Amino acid sequence: MFLTPNEFDTFVADVTTDERIGVDGVSLVVIEGDEPPTQSPGSLPIVVAWVADVLGGDGPVAADVVVGPGDVDRVAELVATNPLAATSLATLLRGSAAAPVDEALALESANYSMLQAGPEFAAWRSTRPPALMPTDDAPTVRAERHDDVVTVELHRPARHNAITSRLRDDLVAALTVAAVDDTVERVVLRGAGASFCSGGDLDEFGSRADPATAHRIRLARSPARLLHRLAARLHVQLHGAVLGGGIEMAAFAGRVTAHPDTRFGLPETRLGLVPGAGGTVSLPRRIGRQRTMALAIGTDTIGVDVALEWGLVDEIDATWNG
């Protein structure tokens, strides 16, 4: 639905009697005009796109995402394919921005769990059933201390350090040691092999039969909470693929550097989900709500130059490449 700012204000004001919003109704509103709207979508389950010069720019408060004229069709297609995930992400980002980090992480996990039980994730899962994870006793995370610096390395290089429940638990263990030791001055987080982290391991996605139990486990074993606690001491070194949970975790750090070959993406909406590794908390606090949404629904990936411009990374650094 394309609206002028004035039409959008009327649309929002009349929503109590407007039956166009709902499961089978409008999921995307595109605003075109010079003056910003005065009304906010609040908790309405719609994605509000503001058309400007370029994807990822700054837009009025009412907008969930800022897109260029050439991006509208792509965003519209994604929202039409996965309206539950896209609108859930928009409302989650609006509602959690002012919440304390722990509360915002709980809101994210609840949304993620809800969508895991929904039809859009089921449709994606039907195209890629969970696979039997290989049994391997090799460590998935390695930690070393030199003087007052702890280096934590994700170590599933053959899988681009994709996150499994085991890697998550191993990472929590390593970060907990650093978090409780006041003599640790700096924590460096990086990944072995070709990539820092390609996100959640798709072979394990959706393998738990009970989303409610999975929600509880995410809250109890949360790398995101520890990364936030360590933020002032944390330096993350990125390279290669940094997708989904990879960039969600990295964005908590006080300092983020990236090799020139780094590519960033947030693909969960295309799977019928919202980010579930802390990204709806870490990313908006680093790059803003609208750019977070742009990364999720406006593009497959961005390169390191755009990431630097957006503030997703603090410096381009070629010294670490796995």
C-alpha atoms as a PDB file:
ATOM      1  CA  MET A   1       0.000   0.000   0.000  1.00  0.00           C
ATOM      2  CA  PHE A   2       1.489   3.364  -1.095  1.00  0.00           C
ATOM      3  CA  LEU A   3       0.455   6.387   0.982  1.00  0.00           C
ATOM      4  CA  THR A   4       1.395  10.020   1.320  1.00  0.00           C
ATOM      5  CA  PRO A   5       2.361  11.173   4.825  1.00  0.00           C
ATOM      6  CA  ASN A   6      -1.098  12.688   5.347  1.00  0.00           C
ATOM      7  CA  GLU A   7      -2.787   9.510   4.127  1.00  0.00           C
ATOM      8  CA  PHE A   8      -0.626   7.485   6.507  1.00  0.00           C
ATOM      9  CA  ASP A   9      -1.676   9.657   9.449  1.00  0.00           C
ATOM     10  CA  THR A  10      -5.325   9.089   8.558  1.00  0.00           C
ATOM     11  CA  PHE A  11      -4.713   5.360   8.087  1.00  0.00           C
ATOM     12  CA  VAL A  12      -3.195   4.998  11.557  1.00  0.00           C
ATOM     13  CA  ALA A  13      -5.804   7.207  13.217  1.00  0.00           C
ATOM     14  CA  ASP A  14      -8.656   5.139  11.726  1.00  0.00           C
ATOM     15  CA  VAL A  15      -7.110   1.751  12.417  1.00  0.00           C
ATOM     16  CA  THR A  16      -9.605   0.830  15.142  1.00  0.00           C
ATOM     17  CA  THR A  17     -12.265   0.522  12.466  1.00  0.00           C
ATOM     18  CA  ASP A  18     -10.001  -0.402   9.589  1.00  0.00           C
ATOM     19  CA  GLU A  19     -10.169  -4.091   8.733  1.00  0.00           C
ATOM     20  CA  ARG A  20      -7.344  -3.875   6.220  1.00  0.00           C
ATOM     21  CA  ILE A  21      -4.727  -4.744   8.850  1.00  0.00           C
ATOM     22  CA  GLY A  22      -4.592  -8.383   9.870  1.00  0.00           C
ATOM     23  CA  VAL A  23      -3.435 -11.825   8.829  1.00  0.00           C
ATOM     24  CA  ASP A  24      -4.940 -11.444   5.363  1.00  0.00           C
ATOM     25  CA  GLY A  25      -4.668  -7.666   5.174  1.00  0.00           C
ATOM     26  CA  VAL A  26      -2.013  -5.003   4.712  1.00  0.00           C
ATOM     27  CA  SER A  27       1.475  -5.913   5.953  1.00  0.00           C
ATOM     28  CA  LEU A  28       3.530  -3.202   4.219  1.00  0.00           C
ATOM     29  CA  VAL A  29       2.871   0.535   3.973  1.00  0.00           C
ATOM     30  CA  VAL A  30       5.196   2.551   1.748  1.00  0.00           C
ATOM     31  CA  ILE A  31       5.228   6.303   2.429  1.00  0.00           C
ATOM     32  CA  GLU A  32       6.256   8.688  -0.319  1.00  0.00           C
ATOM     33  CA  GLY A  33       6.450  12.418   0.348  1.00  0.00           C
ATOM     34  CA  ASP A  34       8.541  15.310   1.553  1.00  0.00           C
ATOM     35  CA  GLU A  35       7.055  15.917   4.995  1.00  0.00           C
ATOM     36  CA  PRO A  36       7.250  13.174   7.650  1.00  0.00           C
ATOM     37  CA  PRO A  37       4.027  11.700   9.045  1.00  0.00           C
ATOM     38  CA  THR A  38       2.971  12.728  12.517  1.00  0.00           C
ATOM     39  CA  GLN A  39       1.407   9.430  13.595  1.00  0.00           C
ATOM     40  CA  SER A  40       3.321   6.401  14.895  1.00  0.00           C
ATOM     41  CA  PRO A  41       2.376   2.829  13.960  1.00  0.00           C
ATOM     42  CA  GLY A  42       2.826   1.819  17.617  1.00  0.00           C
ATOM     43  CA  SER A  43       2.190  -1.909  17.927  1.00  0.00           C
ATOM     44  CA  LEU A  44       0.356  -2.236  14.618  1.00  0.00           C
ATOM     45  CA  PRO A  45       1.517  -5.387  12.765  1.00  0.00           C
ATOM     46  CA  ILE A  46       2.725  -3.562   9.664  1.00  0.00           C
ATOM     47  CA  VAL A  47       6.105  -2.690   8.191  1.00  0.00           C
ATOM     48  CA  VAL A  48       6.367   1.021   7.428  1.00  0.00           C
ATOM     49  CA  ALA A  49       8.874   1.899   4.693  1.00  0.00           C
ATOM     50  CA  TRP A  50       9.945   5.459   3.952  1.00  0.00           C
ATOM     51  CA  VAL A  51      11.225   6.081   0.414  1.00  0.00           C
ATOM     52  CA  ALA A  52      14.396   8.175   0.323  1.00  0.00           C
ATOM     53  CA  ASP A  53      17.553   8.317  -1.780  1.00  0.00           C
ATOM     54  CA  VAL A  54      19.241   5.170  -0.511  1.00  0.00           C
ATOM     55  CA  LEU A  55      18.663   2.021   1.530  1.00  0.00           C
ATOM     56  CA  GLY A  56      19.648   2.409   5.159  1.00  0.00           C
ATOM     57  CA  GLY A  57      19.359   6.161   5.418  1.00  0.00           C
ATOM     58  CA  ASP A  58      17.738   8.118   8.205  1.00  0.00           C
ATOM     59  CA  GLY A  59      13.979   8.512   8.133  1.00  0.00           C
ATOM     60  CA  PRO A  60      11.121   9.804  10.267  1.00  0.00           C
ATOM     61  CA  VAL A  61      10.338   8.097  13.567  1.00  0.00           C
ATOM     62  CA  ALA A  62       7.221   6.500  12.064  1.00  0.00           C
ATOM     63  CA  ALA A  63       9.315   4.487   9.592  1.00  0.00           C
ATOM     64  CA  ASP A  64      10.608   1.009  10.344  1.00  0.00           C
ATOM     65  CA  VAL A  65      12.965   1.034   7.366  1.00  0.00           C
ATOM     66  CA  VAL A  66      14.323   3.551   4.873  1.00  0.00           C
ATOM     67  CA  VAL A  67      14.584   2.297   1.298  1.00  0.00           C
ATOM     68  CA  GLY A  68      15.695   3.659  -2.037  1.00  0.00           C
ATOM     69  CA  PRO A  69      13.263   3.697  -4.972  1.00  0.00           C
ATOM     70  CA  GLY A  70      14.923   0.574  -6.394  1.00  0.00           C
ATOM     71  CA  ASP A  71      14.513  -1.368  -3.138  1.00  0.00           C
ATOM     72  CA  VAL A  72      10.737  -1.170  -2.806  1.00  0.00           C
ATOM     73  CA  ASP A  73       9.903  -4.231  -4.916  1.00  0.00           C
ATOM     74  CA  ARG A  74      12.400  -6.389  -3.049  1.00  0.00           C
ATOM     75  CA  VAL A  75      11.079  -5.349   0.350  1.00  0.00           C
ATOM     76  CA  ALA A  76       7.500  -5.826  -0.806  1.00  0.00           C
ATOM     77  CA  GLU A  77       8.249  -9.344  -2.040  1.00  0.00           C
ATOM     78  CA  LEU A  78       9.910 -10.379   1.213  1.00  0.00           C
ATOM     79  CA  VAL A  79       7.123  -8.943   3.366  1.00  0.00           C
ATOM     80  CA  ALA A  80       4.498 -10.609   1.159  1.00  0.00           C
ATOM     81  CA  THR A  81       6.288 -13.964   1.458  1.00  0.00           C
ATOM     82  CA  ASN A  82       6.862 -13.814   5.225  1.00  0.00           C
ATOM     83  CA  PRO A  83       4.460 -11.208   6.640  1.00  0.00           C
ATOM     84  CA  LEU A  84       4.374 -12.746  10.122  1.00  0.00           C
ATOM     85  CA  ALA A  85       8.156 -12.623  10.498  1.00  0.00           C
ATOM     86  CA  ALA A  86       8.552  -9.187   8.919  1.00  0.00           C
ATOM     87  CA  THR A  87       5.828  -7.509  10.953  1.00  0.00           C
ATOM     88  CA  SER A  88       6.949  -9.286  14.127  1.00  0.00           C
ATOM     89  CA  LEU A  89      10.445  -7.892  13.621  1.00  0.00           C
ATOM     90  CA  ALA A  90       9.118  -4.370  13.024  1.00  0.00           C
ATOM     91  CA  THR A  91       6.966  -4.345  16.152  1.00  0.00           C
ATOM     92  CA  LEU A  92       9.693  -6.006  18.229  1.00  0.00           C
ATOM     93  CA  LEU A  93      12.260  -3.372  17.254  1.00  0.00           C
ATOM     94  CA  ARG A  94       9.812  -0.570  18.035  1.00  0.00           C
ATOM     95  CA  GLY A  95       8.878  -2.004  21.419  1.00  0.00           C
ATOM     96  CA  SER A  96      12.246  -3.147  22.753  1.00  0.00           C
ATOM     97  CA  ALA A  97      14.339  -0.084  21.935  1.00  0.00           C
ATOM     98  CA  ALA A  98      13.845   1.518  25.356  1.00  0.00           C
ATOM     99  CA  ALA A  99      13.801  -1.709  27.368  1.00  0.00           C
ATOM    100  CA  PRO A 100      16.750  -2.819  29.513  1.00  0.00           C
ATOM    101  CA  VAL A 101      18.956  -5.325  27.718  1.00  0.00           C
ATOM    102  CA  ASP A 102      17.841  -8.377  29.719  1.00  0.00           C
ATOM    103  CA  GLU A 103      14.180  -7.571  29.152  1.00  0.00           C
ATOM    104  CA  ALA A 104      14.774  -6.907  25.456  1.00  0.00           C
ATOM    105  CA  LEU A 105      16.547 -10.271  25.095  1.00  0.00           C
ATOM    106  CA  ALA A 106      13.551 -12.003  26.670  1.00  0.00           C
ATOM    107  CA  LEU A 107      11.176 -10.232  24.255  1.00  0.00           C
ATOM    108  CA  GLU A 108      13.337 -11.316  21.315  1.00  0.00           C
ATOM    109  CA  SER A 109      13.431 -14.940  22.443  1.00  0.00           C
ATOM    110  CA  ALA A 110       9.659 -15.028  22.976  1.00  0.00           C
ATOM    111  CA  ASN A 111       9.070 -13.698  19.445  1.00  0.00           C
ATOM    112  CA  TYR A 112      11.586 -16.144  18.013  1.00  0.00           C
ATOM    113  CA  SER A 113       9.933 -19.081  19.769  1.00  0.00           C
ATOM    114  CA  MET A 114       6.475 -18.010  18.633  1.00  0.00           C
ATOM    115  CA  LEU A 115       7.607 -17.867  15.011  1.00  0.00           C
ATOM    116  CA  GLN A 116       9.358 -21.253  15.299  1.00  0.00           C
ATOM    117  CA  ALA A 117       5.877 -22.705  15.813  1.00  0.00           C
ATOM    118  CA  GLY A 118       4.406 -20.708  12.925  1.00  0.00           C
ATOM    119  CA  PRO A 119       3.580 -21.522   9.308  1.00  0.00           C
ATOM    120  CA  GLU A 120       6.352 -19.481   7.665  1.00  0.00           C
ATOM    121  CA  PHE A 121       9.176 -21.248   9.455  1.00  0.00           C
ATOM    122  CA  ALA A 122       7.417 -24.576   8.819  1.00  0.00           C
ATOM    123  CA  ALA A 123       7.321 -23.765   5.107  1.00  0.00           C
ATOM    124  CA  TRP A 124      11.071 -23.071   5.085  1.00  0.00           C
ATOM    125  CA  ARG A 125      11.815 -26.096   7.258  1.00  0.00           C
ATOM    126  CA  SER A 126       9.922 -28.349   4.825  1.00  0.00           C
ATOM    127  CA  THR A 127      12.481 -27.456   2.168  1.00  0.00           C
ATOM    128  CA  ARG A 128      15.373 -28.377   4.460  1.00  0.00           C
ATOM    129  CA  PRO A 129      14.585 -30.928   7.176  1.00  0.00           C
ATOM    130  CA  PRO A 130      16.929 -31.021  10.198  1.00  0.00           C
ATOM    131  CA  ALA A 131      19.955 -33.202   9.574  1.00  0.00           C
ATOM    132  CA  LEU A 132      21.692 -35.550  11.971  1.00  0.00           C
ATOM    133  CA  MET A 133      24.517 -33.557  13.516  1.00  0.00           C
ATOM    134  CA  PRO A 134      27.883 -35.354  13.337  1.00  0.00           C
ATOM    135  CA  THR A 135      29.386 -36.601  16.588  1.00  0.00           C
ATOM    136  CA  ASP A 136      32.680 -34.850  17.160  1.00  0.00           C
ATOM    137  CA  ASP A 137      34.590 -34.445  20.387  1.00  0.00           C
ATOM    138  CA  ALA A 138      36.771 -31.630  19.060  1.00  0.00           C
ATOM    139  CA  PRO A 139      36.323 -28.321  20.927  1.00  0.00           C
ATOM    140  CA  THR A 140      33.986 -25.854  19.221  1.00  0.00           C
ATOM    141  CA  VAL A 141      35.426 -22.892  21.135  1.00  0.00           C
ATOM    142  CA  ARG A 142      39.031 -22.378  22.173  1.00  0.00           C
ATOM    143  CA  ALA A 143      40.130 -19.878  24.821  1.00  0.00           C
ATOM    144  CA  GLU A 144      43.659 -18.800  25.708  1.00  0.00           C
ATOM    145  CA  ARG A 145      44.976 -16.265  28.167  1.00  0.00           C
ATOM    146  CA  HIS A 146      48.150 -14.239  27.725  1.00  0.00           C
ATOM    147  CA  ASP A 147      48.811 -11.841  30.591  1.00  0.00           C
ATOM    148  CA  ASP A 148      45.563  -9.881  30.993  1.00  0.00           C
ATOM    149  CA  VAL A 149      44.098 -10.685  27.557  1.00  0.00           C
ATOM    150  CA  VAL A 150      41.765 -13.631  26.886  1.00  0.00           C
ATOM    151  CA  THR A 151      41.323 -14.697  23.266  1.00  0.00           C
ATOM    152  CA  VAL A 152      38.160 -16.683  22.527  1.00  0.00           C
ATOM    153  CA  GLU A 153      38.057 -18.389  19.137  1.00  0.00           C
ATOM    154  CA  LEU A 154      35.026 -20.021  17.531  1.00  0.00           C
ATOM    155  CA  HIS A 155      36.358 -23.289  16.146  1.00  0.00           C
ATOM    156  CA  ARG A 156      34.120 -25.037  13.635  1.00  0.00           C
ATOM    157  CA  PRO A 157      36.059 -23.888  10.559  1.00  0.00           C
ATOM    158  CA  ALA A 158      34.647 -26.584   8.265  1.00  0.00           C
ATOM    159  CA  ARG A 159      31.161 -25.125   8.910  1.00  0.00           C
ATOM    160  CA  HIS A 160      32.197 -21.454   8.880  1.00  0.00           C
ATOM    161  CA  ASN A 161      31.767 -21.515  12.676  1.00  0.00           C
ATOM    162  CA  ALA A 162      28.010 -21.960  12.369  1.00  0.00           C
ATOM    163  CA  ILE A 163      26.337 -21.884  15.768  1.00  0.00           C
ATOM    164  CA  THR A 164      25.049 -25.138  17.236  1.00  0.00           C
ATOM    165  CA  SER A 165      23.695 -25.699  20.723  1.00  0.00           C
ATOM    166  CA  ARG A 166      27.085 -27.143  21.640  1.00  0.00           C
ATOM    167  CA  LEU A 167      29.025 -24.147  20.324  1.00  0.00           C
ATOM    168  CA  ARG A 168      26.613 -21.850  22.157  1.00  0.00           C
ATOM    169  CA  ASP A 169      27.193 -23.699  25.436  1.00  0.00           C
ATOM    170  CA  ASP A 170      30.966 -23.781  24.928  1.00  0.00           C
ATOM    171  CA  LEU A 171      30.968 -20.059  24.187  1.00  0.00           C
ATOM    172  CA  VAL A 172      28.927 -19.329  27.317  1.00  0.00           C
ATOM    173  CA  ALA A 173      31.447 -21.290  29.367  1.00  0.00           C
ATOM    174  CA  ALA A 174      34.416 -19.388  27.932  1.00  0.00           C
ATOM    175  CA  LEU A 175      32.775 -15.977  28.291  1.00  0.00           C
ATOM    176  CA  THR A 176      31.647 -16.708  31.861  1.00  0.00           C
ATOM    177  CA  VAL A 177      35.247 -17.275  32.962  1.00  0.00           C
ATOM    178  CA  ALA A 178      36.265 -13.925  31.461  1.00  0.00           C
ATOM    179  CA  ALA A 179      33.230 -12.083  32.814  1.00  0.00           C
ATOM    180  CA  VAL A 180      33.810 -13.054  36.444  1.00  0.00           C
ATOM    181  CA  ASP A 181      37.572 -12.419  36.412  1.00  0.00           C
ATOM    182  CA  ASP A 182      38.289  -8.746  37.054  1.00  0.00           C
ATOM    183  CA  THR A 183      41.960  -9.248  36.203  1.00  0.00           C
ATOM    184  CA  VAL A 184      41.022  -9.807  32.543  1.00  0.00           C
ATOM    185  CA  GLU A 185      41.540  -6.420  30.909  1.00  0.00           C
ATOM    186  CA  ARG A 186      40.547  -7.358  27.382  1.00  0.00           C
ATOM    187  CA  VAL A 187      38.624 -10.139  25.631  1.00  0.00           C
ATOM    188  CA  VAL A 188      39.196 -10.776  21.925  1.00  0.00           C
ATOM    189  CA  LEU A 189      36.559 -12.797  20.079  1.00  0.00           C
ATOM    190  CA  ARG A 190      37.314 -14.152  16.621  1.00  0.00           C
ATOM    191  CA  GLY A 191      36.656 -17.138  14.356  1.00  0.00           C
ATOM    192  CA  ALA A 192      38.951 -19.785  12.887  1.00  0.00           C
ATOM    193  CA  GLY A 193      38.992 -20.594   9.193  1.00  0.00           C
ATOM    194  CA  ALA A 194      37.362 -18.734   6.311  1.00  0.00           C
ATOM    195  CA  SER A 195      34.704 -16.885   8.318  1.00  0.00           C
ATOM    196  CA  PHE A 196      34.002 -15.406  11.717  1.00  0.00           C
ATOM    197  CA  CYS A 197      30.521 -16.974  11.937  1.00  0.00           C
ATOM    198  CA  SER A 198      27.899 -17.810   9.320  1.00  0.00           C
ATOM    199  CA  GLY A 199      25.034 -17.742  11.828  1.00  0.00           C
ATOM    200  CA  GLY A 200      23.002 -20.630  13.150  1.00  0.00           C
ATOM    201  CA  ASP A 201      23.777 -24.066  11.729  1.00  0.00           C
ATOM    202  CA  LEU A 202      20.833 -24.672   9.410  1.00  0.00           C
ATOM    203  CA  ASP A 203      21.089 -28.431   9.903  1.00  0.00           C
ATOM    204  CA  GLU A 204      20.130 -27.937  13.549  1.00  0.00           C
ATOM    205  CA  PHE A 205      17.518 -25.191  13.056  1.00  0.00           C
ATOM    206  CA  GLY A 206      14.133 -26.221  14.398  1.00  0.00           C
ATOM    207  CA  SER A 207      15.362 -29.551  15.714  1.00  0.00           C
ATOM    208  CA  ARG A 208      13.749 -29.012  19.122  1.00  0.00           C
ATOM    209  CA  ALA A 209      10.142 -30.185  19.159  1.00  0.00           C
ATOM    210  CA  ASP A 210       9.133 -27.721  21.877  1.00  0.00           C
ATOM    211  CA  PRO A 211       9.680 -23.982  21.168  1.00  0.00           C
ATOM    212  CA  ALA A 212       8.726 -23.080  24.756  1.00  0.00           C
ATOM    213  CA  THR A 213      11.557 -25.198  26.167  1.00  0.00           C
ATOM    214  CA  ALA A 214      13.917 -23.756  23.556  1.00  0.00           C
ATOM    215  CA  HIS A 215      12.926 -20.261  24.756  1.00  0.00           C
ATOM    216  CA  ARG A 216      13.812 -21.162  28.322  1.00  0.00           C
ATOM    217  CA  ILE A 217      17.169 -22.615  27.239  1.00  0.00           C
ATOM    218  CA  ARG A 218      18.010 -19.467  25.249  1.00  0.00           C
ATOM    219  CA  LEU A 219      17.385 -17.329  28.317  1.00  0.00           C
ATOM    220  CA  ALA A 220      19.428 -19.585  30.616  1.00  0.00           C
ATOM    221  CA  ARG A 221      22.384 -20.083  28.244  1.00  0.00           C
ATOM    222  CA  SER A 222      22.734 -16.703  26.593  1.00  0.00           C
ATOM    223  CA  PRO A 223      26.034 -15.622  25.022  1.00  0.00           C
ATOM    224  CA  ALA A 224      24.326 -12.297  24.292  1.00  0.00           C
ATOM    225  CA  ARG A 225      23.911 -11.458  27.980  1.00  0.00           C
ATOM    226  CA  LEU A 226      27.582 -12.184  28.645  1.00  0.00           C
ATOM    227  CA  LEU A 227      28.765 -10.267  25.585  1.00  0.00           C
ATOM    228  CA  HIS A 228      26.777  -7.257  26.761  1.00  0.00           C
ATOM    229  CA  ARG A 229      28.327  -7.595  30.228  1.00  0.00           C
ATOM    230  CA  LEU A 230      31.808  -7.738  28.676  1.00  0.00           C
ATOM    231  CA  ALA A 231      31.190  -4.984  26.104  1.00  0.00           C
ATOM    232  CA  ALA A 232      33.618  -2.418  27.517  1.00  0.00           C
ATOM    233  CA  ARG A 233      36.434  -4.997  27.467  1.00  0.00           C
ATOM    234  CA  LEU A 234      35.392  -6.809  24.295  1.00  0.00           C
ATOM    235  CA  HIS A 235      37.045  -6.537  20.868  1.00  0.00           C
ATOM    236  CA  VAL A 236      35.559  -8.642  18.077  1.00  0.00           C
ATOM    237  CA  GLN A 237      37.640  -9.320  14.939  1.00  0.00           C
ATOM    238  CA  LEU A 238      35.501 -10.149  11.896  1.00  0.00           C
ATOM    239  CA  HIS A 239      36.310 -11.680   8.532  1.00  0.00           C
ATOM    240  CA  GLY A 240      34.600 -13.654   5.786  1.00  0.00           C
ATOM    241  CA  ALA A 241      30.918 -14.460   6.299  1.00  0.00           C
ATOM    242  CA  VAL A 242      29.352 -12.683   9.280  1.00  0.00           C
ATOM    243  CA  LEU A 243      25.707 -13.644   9.066  1.00  0.00           C
ATOM    244  CA  GLY A 244      22.759 -13.899  11.434  1.00  0.00           C
ATOM    245  CA  GLY A 245      23.972 -14.800  14.899  1.00  0.00           C
ATOM    246  CA  GLY A 246      27.524 -13.874  13.895  1.00  0.00           C
ATOM    247  CA  ILE A 247      26.829 -10.160  13.524  1.00  0.00           C
ATOM    248  CA  GLU A 248      24.213 -10.239  16.288  1.00  0.00           C
ATOM    249  CA  MET A 249      26.823 -11.344  18.817  1.00  0.00           C
ATOM    250  CA  ALA A 250      29.581  -9.116  17.451  1.00  0.00           C
ATOM    251  CA  ALA A 251      27.455  -5.971  17.659  1.00  0.00           C
ATOM    252  CA  PHE A 252      27.474  -6.119  21.470  1.00  0.00           C
ATOM    253  CA  ALA A 253      31.206  -5.393  21.546  1.00  0.00           C
ATOM    254  CA  GLY A 254      32.668  -2.058  22.470  1.00  0.00           C
ATOM    255  CA  ARG A 255      35.093  -2.407  19.559  1.00  0.00           C
ATOM    256  CA  VAL A 256      34.471  -4.206  16.266  1.00  0.00           C
ATOM    257  CA  THR A 257      37.040  -4.462  13.492  1.00  0.00           C
ATOM    258  CA  ALA A 258      36.604  -6.210  10.159  1.00  0.00           C
ATOM    259  CA  HIS A 259      38.831  -7.524   7.389  1.00  0.00           C
ATOM    260  CA  PRO A 260      38.166  -5.995   3.946  1.00  0.00           C
ATOM    261  CA  ASP A 261      36.688  -9.321   2.745  1.00  0.00           C
ATOM    262  CA  THR A 262      33.902  -9.327   5.347  1.00  0.00           C
ATOM    263  CA  ARG A 263      30.254  -9.656   4.268  1.00  0.00           C
ATOM    264  CA  PHE A 264      27.362  -8.992   6.631  1.00  0.00           C
ATOM    265  CA  GLY A 265      23.785 -10.265   6.491  1.00  0.00           C
ATOM    266  CA  LEU A 266      20.725 -10.846   8.643  1.00  0.00           C
ATOM    267  CA  PRO A 267      18.755 -13.595   6.839  1.00  0.00           C
ATOM    268  CA  GLU A 268      16.342 -14.816   9.529  1.00  0.00           C
ATOM    269  CA  THR A 269      13.244 -13.074   8.152  1.00  0.00           C
ATOM    270  CA  ARG A 270      13.585 -15.106   4.963  1.00  0.00           C
ATOM    271  CA  LEU A 271      13.333 -18.240   7.112  1.00  0.00           C
ATOM    272  CA  GLY A 272      10.154 -17.017   8.794  1.00  0.00           C
ATOM    273  CA  LEU A 273      11.960 -15.925  11.973  1.00  0.00           C
ATOM    274  CA  VAL A 274      13.363 -12.863  13.699  1.00  0.00           C
ATOM    275  CA  PRO A 275      16.996 -12.688  14.846  1.00  0.00           C
ATOM    276  CA  GLY A 276      17.411 -14.922  17.879  1.00  0.00           C
ATOM    277  CA  ALA A 277      21.004 -14.452  19.084  1.00  0.00           C
ATOM    278  CA  GLY A 278      20.499 -10.975  20.503  1.00  0.00           C
ATOM    279  CA  GLY A 279      20.418  -9.034  17.247  1.00  0.00           C
ATOM    280  CA  THR A 280      17.231  -7.105  17.948  1.00  0.00           C
ATOM    281  CA  VAL A 281      19.034  -5.773  21.030  1.00  0.00           C
ATOM    282  CA  SER A 282      22.653  -5.338  19.917  1.00  0.00           C
ATOM    283  CA  LEU A 283      22.149  -4.053  16.390  1.00  0.00           C
ATOM    284  CA  PRO A 284      19.679  -1.221  17.095  1.00  0.00           C
ATOM    285  CA  ARG A 285      21.902   0.012  19.908  1.00  0.00           C
ATOM    286  CA  ARG A 286      24.837   0.119  17.482  1.00  0.00           C
ATOM    287  CA  ILE A 287      23.297   1.187  14.135  1.00  0.00           C
ATOM    288  CA  GLY A 288      19.709   2.154  14.934  1.00  0.00           C
ATOM    289  CA  ARG A 289      16.349   0.456  14.453  1.00  0.00           C
ATOM    290  CA  GLN A 290      15.876   1.493  10.817  1.00  0.00           C
ATOM    291  CA  ARG A 291      19.267   0.243   9.625  1.00  0.00           C
ATOM    292  CA  THR A 292      18.735  -3.019  11.512  1.00  0.00           C
ATOM    293  CA  MET A 293      15.499  -3.472   9.585  1.00  0.00           C
ATOM    294  CA  ALA A 294      17.263  -2.546   6.333  1.00  0.00           C
ATOM    295  CA  LEU A 295      19.842  -5.257   6.935  1.00  0.00           C
ATOM    296  CA  ALA A 296      17.067  -7.766   7.652  1.00  0.00           C
ATOM    297  CA  ILE A 297      14.649  -7.092   4.789  1.00  0.00           C
ATOM    298  CA  GLY A 298      16.328  -4.697   2.376  1.00  0.00           C
ATOM    299  CA  THR A 299      19.394  -6.599   1.203  1.00  0.00           C
ATOM    300  CA  ASP A 300      21.043 -10.016   1.269  1.00  0.00           C
ATOM    301  CA  THR A 301      24.412  -8.708   2.440  1.00  0.00           C
ATOM    302  CA  ILE A 302      26.424  -5.528   2.746  1.00  0.00           C
ATOM    303  CA  GLY A 303      30.162  -5.083   2.415  1.00  0.00           C
ATOM    304  CA  VAL A 304      32.625  -3.688   4.871  1.00  0.00           C
ATOM    305  CA  ASP A 305      32.513  -0.137   3.483  1.00  0.00           C
ATOM    306  CA  VAL A 306      28.758   0.150   4.080  1.00  0.00           C
ATOM    307  CA  ALA A 307      29.173  -1.512   7.467  1.00  0.00           C
ATOM    308  CA  LEU A 308      31.734   1.144   8.416  1.00  0.00           C
ATOM    309  CA  GLU A 309      29.470   3.940   7.172  1.00  0.00           C
ATOM    310  CA  TRP A 310      26.540   2.577   9.180  1.00  0.00           C
ATOM    311  CA  GLY A 311      28.628   2.129  12.336  1.00  0.00           C
ATOM    312  CA  LEU A 312      28.339  -1.641  12.313  1.00  0.00           C
ATOM    313  CA  VAL A 313      32.142  -1.820  12.501  1.00  0.00           C
ATOM    314  CA  ASP A 314      34.552   0.686  13.975  1.00  0.00           C
ATOM    315  CA  GLU A 315      37.547   0.060  11.730  1.00  0.00           C
ATOM    316  CA  ILE A 316      38.610  -1.909   8.667  1.00  0.00           C
ATOM    317  CA  ASP A 317      41.631  -3.983   9.649  1.00  0.00           C
ATOM    318  CA  ALA A 318      43.395  -6.528   7.445  1.00  0.00           C
ATOM    319  CA  THR A 319      45.543  -8.069  10.185  1.00  0.00           C
ATOM    320  CA  TRP A 320      43.169 -10.934  11.065  1.00  0.00           C
ATOM    321  CA  ASN A 321      41.759 -13.241   8.393  1.00  0.00           C
ATOM    322  CA  GLY A 322      41.306 -16.568  10.186  1.00  0.00           C
END
